[in-house]
N, C-alpha and C. Protein backbone atom coordinates (compact mmCIF):
# COMPACT_ATOMS: atom_id res chain seq x y z
N MET A 1 -104.05 -20.99 -99.71
CA MET A 1 -103.69 -20.91 -100.97
C MET A 1 -103.89 -19.34 -101.36
N LYS A 2 -102.97 -18.83 -102.09
CA LYS A 2 -102.84 -17.76 -102.75
C LYS A 2 -104.00 -17.79 -104.02
N THR A 3 -104.78 -16.96 -104.17
CA THR A 3 -105.55 -17.05 -105.79
C THR A 3 -104.30 -16.80 -106.78
N LEU A 4 -104.68 -17.25 -107.90
CA LEU A 4 -103.82 -17.21 -109.14
C LEU A 4 -103.68 -15.83 -109.29
N PRO A 5 -104.42 -14.74 -109.47
CA PRO A 5 -103.92 -13.51 -109.67
C PRO A 5 -103.04 -12.67 -108.48
N THR A 6 -103.10 -13.47 -107.19
CA THR A 6 -102.21 -12.86 -106.17
C THR A 6 -100.70 -13.63 -106.70
N LEU A 7 -100.86 -15.12 -106.79
CA LEU A 7 -99.56 -15.54 -107.39
C LEU A 7 -98.87 -15.38 -108.53
N VAL A 8 -99.52 -14.90 -109.66
CA VAL A 8 -99.13 -14.30 -110.65
C VAL A 8 -98.27 -12.90 -110.43
N PHE A 9 -99.10 -11.93 -109.91
CA PHE A 9 -98.50 -10.82 -109.45
C PHE A 9 -97.37 -10.60 -108.53
N SER A 10 -97.16 -11.91 -107.95
CA SER A 10 -96.16 -11.87 -106.87
C SER A 10 -94.55 -12.81 -107.49
N LEU A 11 -94.94 -12.98 -108.92
CA LEU A 11 -93.85 -13.83 -109.48
C LEU A 11 -92.53 -13.34 -109.40
N GLY A 12 -92.57 -11.92 -109.65
CA GLY A 12 -91.02 -11.36 -110.21
C GLY A 12 -91.44 -9.90 -110.34
N LEU A 13 -90.27 -9.14 -110.49
CA LEU A 13 -90.00 -7.79 -110.49
C LEU A 13 -90.81 -7.05 -111.40
N PHE A 14 -90.65 -7.69 -112.46
CA PHE A 14 -91.32 -7.29 -113.90
C PHE A 14 -92.90 -7.35 -114.00
N LEU A 15 -93.92 -8.03 -113.08
CA LEU A 15 -95.02 -8.45 -113.36
C LEU A 15 -96.25 -7.37 -113.11
N GLN A 16 -95.71 -6.25 -112.72
CA GLN A 16 -96.69 -5.26 -112.61
C GLN A 16 -96.82 -4.85 -114.13
N GLN A 17 -98.14 -4.48 -114.24
CA GLN A 17 -98.90 -4.13 -115.17
C GLN A 17 -98.46 -2.62 -115.80
N PRO A 18 -98.04 -2.67 -116.62
CA PRO A 18 -97.72 -1.14 -117.22
C PRO A 18 -98.97 -0.26 -117.36
N SER A 19 -98.91 0.71 -116.60
CA SER A 19 -99.97 1.67 -116.43
C SER A 19 -100.82 1.99 -117.90
N SER A 20 -99.99 2.22 -119.11
CA SER A 20 -100.54 2.42 -120.37
C SER A 20 -99.49 1.71 -121.43
N LEU A 21 -100.26 0.79 -122.26
CA LEU A 21 -99.76 0.17 -123.29
C LEU A 21 -100.61 0.11 -124.55
N SER A 22 -100.23 0.46 -125.70
CA SER A 22 -100.76 0.22 -126.68
C SER A 22 -100.75 -1.07 -127.43
N ALA A 23 -101.77 -1.40 -128.28
CA ALA A 23 -101.72 -3.00 -128.85
C ALA A 23 -100.49 -3.22 -129.55
N ALA A 24 -100.17 -2.20 -130.11
CA ALA A 24 -99.06 -2.26 -131.20
C ALA A 24 -97.70 -2.51 -130.19
N PRO A 25 -97.05 -2.05 -129.09
CA PRO A 25 -95.92 -2.49 -128.31
C PRO A 25 -96.25 -3.77 -127.71
N VAL A 26 -97.44 -4.20 -127.42
CA VAL A 26 -97.47 -5.66 -126.80
C VAL A 26 -97.25 -6.66 -127.97
N ARG A 27 -97.97 -6.65 -129.50
CA ARG A 27 -97.35 -7.17 -130.57
C ARG A 27 -95.89 -7.32 -130.49
N ALA A 28 -95.28 -6.15 -130.35
CA ALA A 28 -93.96 -6.12 -130.49
C ALA A 28 -93.07 -6.97 -129.57
N ALA A 29 -93.94 -7.02 -128.16
CA ALA A 29 -93.24 -7.43 -127.32
C ALA A 29 -92.94 -9.05 -127.54
N PHE A 30 -94.20 -9.65 -127.95
CA PHE A 30 -94.09 -11.07 -128.35
C PHE A 30 -92.96 -11.41 -129.12
N ALA A 31 -92.58 -10.16 -130.10
CA ALA A 31 -91.44 -10.76 -131.09
C ALA A 31 -90.15 -10.76 -130.34
N TRP A 32 -90.16 -10.42 -129.04
CA TRP A 32 -88.86 -10.20 -128.11
C TRP A 32 -88.52 -11.63 -128.02
N GLN A 33 -86.94 -11.82 -128.18
CA GLN A 33 -86.27 -12.97 -128.12
C GLN A 33 -86.21 -13.29 -126.68
N THR A 34 -86.32 -14.27 -126.21
CA THR A 34 -85.89 -14.58 -124.82
C THR A 34 -84.73 -14.41 -124.41
N SER A 35 -84.55 -14.42 -122.98
CA SER A 35 -82.84 -14.37 -122.79
C SER A 35 -82.18 -15.51 -122.12
N ALA A 36 -81.13 -15.77 -121.74
CA ALA A 36 -80.71 -16.95 -121.02
C ALA A 36 -81.39 -16.72 -119.57
N ALA A 37 -81.54 -15.56 -119.08
CA ALA A 37 -82.30 -15.32 -117.60
C ALA A 37 -83.72 -15.90 -117.73
N GLU A 38 -84.44 -15.27 -118.69
CA GLU A 38 -85.81 -15.80 -118.76
C GLU A 38 -85.76 -17.20 -119.00
N THR A 39 -85.08 -17.93 -119.95
CA THR A 39 -85.10 -19.19 -120.14
C THR A 39 -85.10 -20.38 -118.65
N ALA A 40 -83.73 -19.51 -117.95
CA ALA A 40 -83.42 -20.04 -116.72
C ALA A 40 -84.60 -19.94 -115.69
N TYR A 41 -85.48 -18.92 -115.54
CA TYR A 41 -86.54 -18.35 -114.94
C TYR A 41 -87.77 -19.47 -114.82
N THR A 42 -87.88 -19.55 -116.37
CA THR A 42 -88.89 -20.77 -116.78
C THR A 42 -88.72 -21.91 -116.71
N GLN A 43 -87.51 -22.55 -116.63
CA GLN A 43 -87.14 -23.78 -116.24
C GLN A 43 -87.00 -23.77 -115.02
N LEU A 44 -86.85 -23.04 -114.11
CA LEU A 44 -87.06 -23.09 -112.78
C LEU A 44 -88.37 -23.05 -112.21
N GLY A 45 -89.16 -22.72 -112.81
CA GLY A 45 -90.84 -22.23 -112.47
C GLY A 45 -91.26 -23.99 -113.24
N ASN A 46 -90.93 -24.58 -114.05
CA ASN A 46 -91.37 -25.74 -114.74
C ASN A 46 -90.76 -26.61 -113.66
N ASP A 47 -89.86 -26.76 -113.26
CA ASP A 47 -89.16 -27.51 -112.36
C ASP A 47 -90.03 -27.52 -110.93
N ALA A 48 -90.11 -26.12 -110.56
CA ALA A 48 -91.02 -26.12 -109.26
C ALA A 48 -92.50 -26.67 -109.27
N ALA A 49 -93.20 -26.81 -110.37
CA ALA A 49 -94.40 -27.27 -110.77
C ALA A 49 -93.99 -28.59 -110.50
N ALA A 50 -93.13 -29.40 -111.08
CA ALA A 50 -92.96 -30.78 -111.46
C ALA A 50 -92.89 -31.13 -109.86
N VAL A 51 -91.94 -30.57 -109.23
CA VAL A 51 -91.78 -30.88 -107.55
C VAL A 51 -93.13 -30.98 -106.94
N VAL A 52 -93.89 -29.88 -107.24
CA VAL A 52 -95.18 -30.03 -106.55
C VAL A 52 -96.16 -31.06 -106.88
N GLN A 53 -96.42 -31.40 -108.08
CA GLN A 53 -96.96 -32.30 -108.79
C GLN A 53 -96.50 -33.67 -107.95
N ARG A 54 -95.18 -33.68 -108.22
CA ARG A 54 -94.60 -35.04 -107.70
C ARG A 54 -95.05 -35.29 -106.36
N ALA A 55 -94.94 -33.95 -105.48
CA ALA A 55 -95.42 -34.30 -103.94
C ALA A 55 -96.86 -34.54 -103.87
N LEU A 56 -97.46 -33.77 -104.50
CA LEU A 56 -99.24 -34.16 -104.46
C LEU A 56 -99.61 -35.19 -104.96
N GLY A 57 -98.74 -36.08 -105.82
CA GLY A 57 -99.01 -37.50 -106.12
C GLY A 57 -98.70 -38.61 -105.01
N GLN A 58 -97.89 -38.01 -103.88
CA GLN A 58 -98.01 -38.88 -102.81
C GLN A 58 -99.52 -38.85 -101.99
N THR A 59 -99.90 -40.07 -101.51
CA THR A 59 -101.17 -40.03 -100.76
C THR A 59 -101.06 -39.76 -99.35
N ASN A 60 -99.64 -39.83 -99.02
CA ASN A 60 -99.42 -39.70 -97.59
C ASN A 60 -98.81 -38.29 -97.70
N ASP A 61 -99.37 -37.28 -96.69
CA ASP A 61 -98.92 -35.86 -96.85
C ASP A 61 -97.47 -35.45 -96.16
N ALA A 62 -97.30 -36.44 -95.34
CA ALA A 62 -95.61 -36.36 -94.70
C ALA A 62 -94.68 -36.74 -95.78
N ALA A 63 -95.17 -37.85 -96.55
CA ALA A 63 -94.09 -37.99 -97.81
C ALA A 63 -94.17 -36.82 -98.74
N ALA A 64 -95.44 -36.18 -99.16
CA ALA A 64 -95.40 -35.11 -99.70
C ALA A 64 -94.57 -33.89 -99.42
N ILE A 65 -94.81 -33.49 -97.85
CA ILE A 65 -93.89 -32.56 -97.49
C ILE A 65 -92.31 -32.77 -97.53
N ALA A 66 -91.91 -34.29 -97.49
CA ALA A 66 -90.65 -34.17 -97.22
C ALA A 66 -90.25 -34.04 -98.59
N ILE A 67 -90.94 -34.52 -99.75
CA ILE A 67 -90.38 -33.85 -101.17
C ILE A 67 -90.32 -32.56 -101.35
N LEU A 68 -91.20 -31.68 -100.98
CA LEU A 68 -91.64 -30.22 -101.04
C LEU A 68 -90.30 -29.72 -100.52
N ILE A 69 -89.92 -29.99 -99.23
CA ILE A 69 -88.88 -29.28 -98.45
C ILE A 69 -87.43 -29.77 -98.93
N GLY A 70 -87.32 -31.11 -99.37
CA GLY A 70 -85.92 -31.24 -99.74
C GLY A 70 -86.01 -30.74 -101.35
N GLU A 71 -86.49 -31.04 -102.06
CA GLU A 71 -86.68 -30.26 -103.52
C GLU A 71 -86.57 -28.72 -103.21
N GLY A 72 -87.48 -28.40 -102.45
CA GLY A 72 -87.89 -26.75 -102.49
C GLY A 72 -86.20 -26.16 -102.05
N ALA A 73 -85.46 -27.01 -101.10
CA ALA A 73 -83.90 -26.14 -100.88
C ALA A 73 -83.33 -26.16 -102.17
N LYS A 74 -83.25 -27.19 -102.98
CA LYS A 74 -82.40 -26.81 -104.60
C LYS A 74 -82.86 -26.20 -105.07
N LEU A 75 -84.07 -25.94 -105.20
CA LEU A 75 -84.95 -24.90 -106.10
C LEU A 75 -84.37 -23.51 -105.29
N GLN A 76 -84.44 -23.30 -104.23
CA GLN A 76 -84.03 -21.99 -103.50
C GLN A 76 -82.73 -21.66 -103.90
N GLN A 77 -81.61 -22.45 -103.88
CA GLN A 77 -80.61 -22.41 -104.26
C GLN A 77 -80.40 -21.64 -105.84
N ARG A 78 -80.93 -22.35 -106.92
CA ARG A 78 -81.13 -21.86 -107.81
C ARG A 78 -81.67 -20.79 -108.24
N ALA A 79 -82.53 -20.58 -107.43
CA ALA A 79 -83.16 -19.17 -107.49
C ALA A 79 -82.12 -18.08 -107.15
N GLN A 80 -81.72 -18.45 -105.86
CA GLN A 80 -80.67 -17.34 -105.36
C GLN A 80 -79.31 -17.30 -106.75
N GLN A 81 -79.20 -18.10 -107.48
CA GLN A 81 -78.07 -18.05 -108.31
C GLN A 81 -78.44 -17.38 -109.52
N LEU A 82 -79.78 -17.67 -109.82
CA LEU A 82 -80.01 -16.84 -110.92
C LEU A 82 -80.93 -15.37 -110.70
N LYS A 83 -81.06 -15.02 -109.17
CA LYS A 83 -81.40 -13.32 -109.23
C LYS A 83 -80.58 -12.52 -109.27
N PRO A 84 -79.32 -12.63 -109.42
CA PRO A 84 -78.87 -11.49 -110.17
C PRO A 84 -78.44 -11.24 -111.65
N SER A 85 -78.59 -12.15 -112.33
CA SER A 85 -78.69 -11.93 -113.85
C SER A 85 -79.95 -11.81 -114.11
N TYR A 86 -81.38 -12.07 -113.55
CA TYR A 86 -82.38 -12.12 -114.07
C TYR A 86 -82.96 -10.47 -113.58
N THR A 87 -82.32 -10.06 -112.25
CA THR A 87 -83.01 -8.73 -112.15
C THR A 87 -82.19 -7.93 -113.07
N GLN A 88 -81.06 -8.10 -113.28
CA GLN A 88 -80.21 -7.09 -114.06
C GLN A 88 -80.92 -6.91 -115.64
N TRP A 89 -81.28 -8.21 -115.93
CA TRP A 89 -81.84 -8.34 -117.34
C TRP A 89 -83.39 -7.75 -117.38
N ILE A 90 -83.86 -7.75 -116.13
CA ILE A 90 -85.34 -7.22 -116.15
C ILE A 90 -85.13 -5.65 -116.48
N SER A 91 -84.22 -5.17 -115.65
CA SER A 91 -84.03 -3.95 -115.55
C SER A 91 -83.62 -3.15 -116.91
N THR A 92 -83.32 -4.01 -117.77
CA THR A 92 -82.80 -3.57 -119.01
C THR A 92 -84.30 -3.44 -120.06
N LEU A 93 -85.20 -4.01 -119.81
CA LEU A 93 -86.32 -4.25 -120.65
C LEU A 93 -87.21 -2.83 -120.64
N LYS A 94 -87.58 -2.61 -122.10
CA LYS A 94 -88.60 -1.42 -122.34
C LYS A 94 -89.76 -2.07 -121.97
N PRO A 95 -90.50 -1.15 -121.59
CA PRO A 95 -92.04 -1.47 -121.01
C PRO A 95 -92.68 -2.69 -121.99
N SER A 96 -92.80 -2.39 -123.23
CA SER A 96 -93.21 -3.49 -124.23
C SER A 96 -92.64 -4.42 -124.03
N GLN A 97 -91.34 -4.48 -123.78
CA GLN A 97 -90.57 -5.85 -123.58
C GLN A 97 -90.91 -6.45 -122.42
N ALA A 98 -91.02 -5.64 -121.50
CA ALA A 98 -91.49 -6.43 -120.01
C ALA A 98 -93.00 -6.93 -119.97
N GLU A 99 -93.79 -6.36 -120.91
CA GLU A 99 -95.12 -6.73 -120.85
C GLU A 99 -94.80 -8.04 -121.56
N GLY A 100 -94.32 -8.38 -122.69
CA GLY A 100 -94.26 -9.63 -123.09
C GLY A 100 -93.54 -10.76 -122.62
N VAL A 101 -92.81 -10.23 -121.43
CA VAL A 101 -92.45 -11.22 -120.26
C VAL A 101 -93.39 -11.53 -119.42
N ARG A 102 -93.92 -10.73 -118.99
CA ARG A 102 -95.15 -10.68 -117.88
C ARG A 102 -96.10 -12.00 -118.73
N ARG A 103 -96.67 -11.66 -120.16
CA ARG A 103 -97.56 -12.32 -120.90
C ARG A 103 -96.86 -13.76 -120.86
N ARG A 104 -95.80 -14.07 -121.09
CA ARG A 104 -95.01 -15.14 -121.25
C ARG A 104 -95.00 -16.04 -120.12
N VAL A 105 -95.16 -15.41 -118.72
CA VAL A 105 -95.35 -15.93 -117.32
C VAL A 105 -96.39 -16.53 -117.27
N LEU A 106 -97.66 -15.39 -117.40
CA LEU A 106 -98.83 -15.85 -117.41
C LEU A 106 -99.36 -16.75 -118.27
N SER A 107 -98.79 -17.11 -119.31
CA SER A 107 -99.31 -18.31 -120.35
C SER A 107 -98.33 -19.70 -119.98
N ALA A 108 -97.39 -19.31 -119.17
CA ALA A 108 -96.48 -20.74 -118.86
C ALA A 108 -97.13 -21.89 -118.33
N GLY A 109 -96.54 -23.10 -118.65
CA GLY A 109 -97.18 -24.19 -117.95
C GLY A 109 -97.30 -24.21 -116.37
N PHE A 110 -95.88 -23.85 -115.90
CA PHE A 110 -96.15 -23.58 -114.82
C PHE A 110 -97.10 -23.01 -113.85
N THR A 111 -97.07 -21.76 -114.36
CA THR A 111 -98.50 -20.79 -113.99
C THR A 111 -99.80 -21.38 -113.77
N ARG A 112 -99.83 -21.88 -115.14
CA ARG A 112 -101.44 -22.87 -115.24
C ARG A 112 -101.45 -23.82 -114.02
N TYR A 113 -100.24 -24.53 -114.09
CA TYR A 113 -100.53 -25.68 -112.95
C TYR A 113 -100.65 -25.20 -111.80
N PHE A 114 -100.01 -24.08 -111.19
CA PHE A 114 -100.20 -23.73 -110.07
C PHE A 114 -101.51 -22.94 -109.84
N GLY A 115 -102.18 -22.57 -111.01
CA GLY A 115 -103.61 -22.06 -110.51
C GLY A 115 -104.50 -23.02 -110.44
N THR A 116 -104.12 -24.39 -110.91
CA THR A 116 -104.86 -25.35 -110.70
C THR A 116 -105.23 -25.86 -109.31
N LEU A 117 -104.56 -25.45 -108.24
CA LEU A 117 -104.11 -25.66 -107.07
C LEU A 117 -105.36 -24.96 -106.22
N ASP A 118 -105.63 -23.81 -106.61
CA ASP A 118 -106.77 -23.27 -106.34
C ASP A 118 -108.03 -23.64 -107.08
N THR A 119 -108.14 -24.07 -108.23
CA THR A 119 -109.36 -24.46 -108.80
C THR A 119 -110.06 -25.91 -108.84
N ASP A 120 -109.00 -26.75 -108.39
CA ASP A 120 -108.88 -28.47 -108.34
C ASP A 120 -109.81 -28.35 -107.01
N PRO A 121 -111.03 -28.63 -106.74
CA PRO A 121 -111.72 -28.82 -105.80
C PRO A 121 -110.81 -29.82 -104.69
N GLN A 122 -110.28 -31.17 -105.56
CA GLN A 122 -109.86 -32.01 -104.58
C GLN A 122 -108.43 -31.60 -104.08
N LEU A 123 -107.50 -30.91 -104.98
CA LEU A 123 -106.47 -30.50 -104.53
C LEU A 123 -106.39 -29.71 -103.37
N ASN A 124 -107.37 -28.60 -103.78
CA ASN A 124 -107.23 -27.30 -102.95
C ASN A 124 -108.18 -27.87 -101.38
N ASN A 125 -108.76 -28.77 -101.45
CA ASN A 125 -109.50 -29.22 -99.89
C ASN A 125 -108.55 -30.00 -99.20
N ARG A 126 -107.36 -31.03 -100.07
CA ARG A 126 -106.26 -31.56 -99.29
C ARG A 126 -105.16 -30.46 -98.78
N ILE A 127 -104.98 -29.77 -99.75
CA ILE A 127 -104.00 -28.21 -99.27
C ILE A 127 -104.64 -27.65 -98.17
N LYS A 128 -105.91 -27.24 -97.95
CA LYS A 128 -106.35 -26.61 -96.79
C LYS A 128 -106.53 -27.23 -95.89
N GLN A 129 -106.71 -28.58 -96.04
CA GLN A 129 -106.81 -29.49 -94.48
C GLN A 129 -105.46 -29.64 -93.93
N ASN A 130 -104.31 -29.23 -94.42
CA ASN A 130 -103.33 -29.53 -94.08
C ASN A 130 -102.41 -28.35 -93.97
N PRO A 131 -102.24 -27.52 -92.97
CA PRO A 131 -101.39 -26.38 -92.83
C PRO A 131 -100.06 -26.54 -93.27
N ASP A 132 -99.56 -27.76 -92.65
CA ASP A 132 -97.81 -27.83 -93.06
C ASP A 132 -97.61 -27.97 -94.62
N LEU A 133 -98.80 -28.85 -95.29
CA LEU A 133 -98.42 -29.18 -96.54
C LEU A 133 -98.73 -27.84 -97.37
N ASN A 134 -99.57 -27.19 -97.04
CA ASN A 134 -99.97 -25.67 -97.46
C ASN A 134 -98.58 -25.06 -97.28
N LYS A 135 -97.99 -25.00 -96.51
CA LYS A 135 -96.72 -23.92 -96.40
C LYS A 135 -95.88 -24.63 -97.06
N ALA A 136 -95.61 -25.94 -97.09
CA ALA A 136 -94.46 -26.62 -98.01
C ALA A 136 -94.56 -25.99 -99.45
N ILE A 137 -95.87 -26.02 -99.93
CA ILE A 137 -96.27 -25.61 -101.24
C ILE A 137 -96.10 -23.99 -101.62
N GLN A 138 -96.00 -23.32 -100.61
CA GLN A 138 -96.06 -21.98 -100.67
C GLN A 138 -94.66 -21.84 -100.56
N ASN A 139 -93.86 -22.34 -100.05
CA ASN A 139 -92.38 -22.22 -100.09
C ASN A 139 -91.67 -22.68 -101.37
N VAL A 140 -92.34 -23.51 -102.00
CA VAL A 140 -91.64 -24.11 -103.29
C VAL A 140 -92.54 -22.76 -104.15
N MET A 141 -93.46 -22.29 -104.52
CA MET A 141 -94.06 -21.36 -105.23
C MET A 141 -93.37 -20.06 -104.99
N ASN A 142 -93.21 -19.81 -103.59
CA ASN A 142 -92.16 -18.84 -103.59
C ASN A 142 -90.89 -18.14 -104.03
N THR A 143 -90.50 -19.52 -104.09
CA THR A 143 -89.05 -19.81 -104.95
C THR A 143 -89.17 -18.66 -106.32
N LEU A 144 -90.19 -18.93 -106.99
CA LEU A 144 -90.47 -18.14 -108.14
C LEU A 144 -90.68 -16.72 -108.05
N GLY A 145 -90.97 -15.99 -106.52
CA GLY A 145 -91.25 -14.62 -106.50
C GLY A 145 -89.75 -13.57 -106.64
N MET A 146 -88.74 -14.35 -106.82
CA MET A 146 -87.53 -13.71 -106.79
C MET A 146 -87.24 -12.48 -106.02
N ALA A 147 -88.16 -12.54 -105.20
CA ALA A 147 -87.98 -11.42 -104.26
C ALA A 147 -87.52 -12.01 -102.48
N MET A 148 -85.98 -12.34 -103.30
CA MET A 148 -85.27 -13.18 -101.90
C MET A 148 -84.20 -12.08 -101.09
């Protein structure tokens, strides 16, 4: 499994930390209104986390993998549809606004949940012991990378 910082910094085009930001632009970034593209991305992330959580709720790894593959394909389709508007929107942001988006993604429920895959010993061991399960989870998480 990727570590949380690796995952978080692979989530999207905007997640690179700007080289220099003062506190004032960051505060202004939090006042930024979310766009339809950001809302759709957050919903995609929440849905991806729900699929992984539902899959890992299965005691049988084969059943978990089937859920991840089946639902992952649907998530991938949604990501493909979202990518043009999301990429265009991100390109219009000022650095302080992009920082606000980055911070919202870092604090989003789906990001925190994916972090537990590394920090929860029981989940982490289960995933590490089954390479096919690990790959299926990574495929769902990679849907959020928007690097398709």
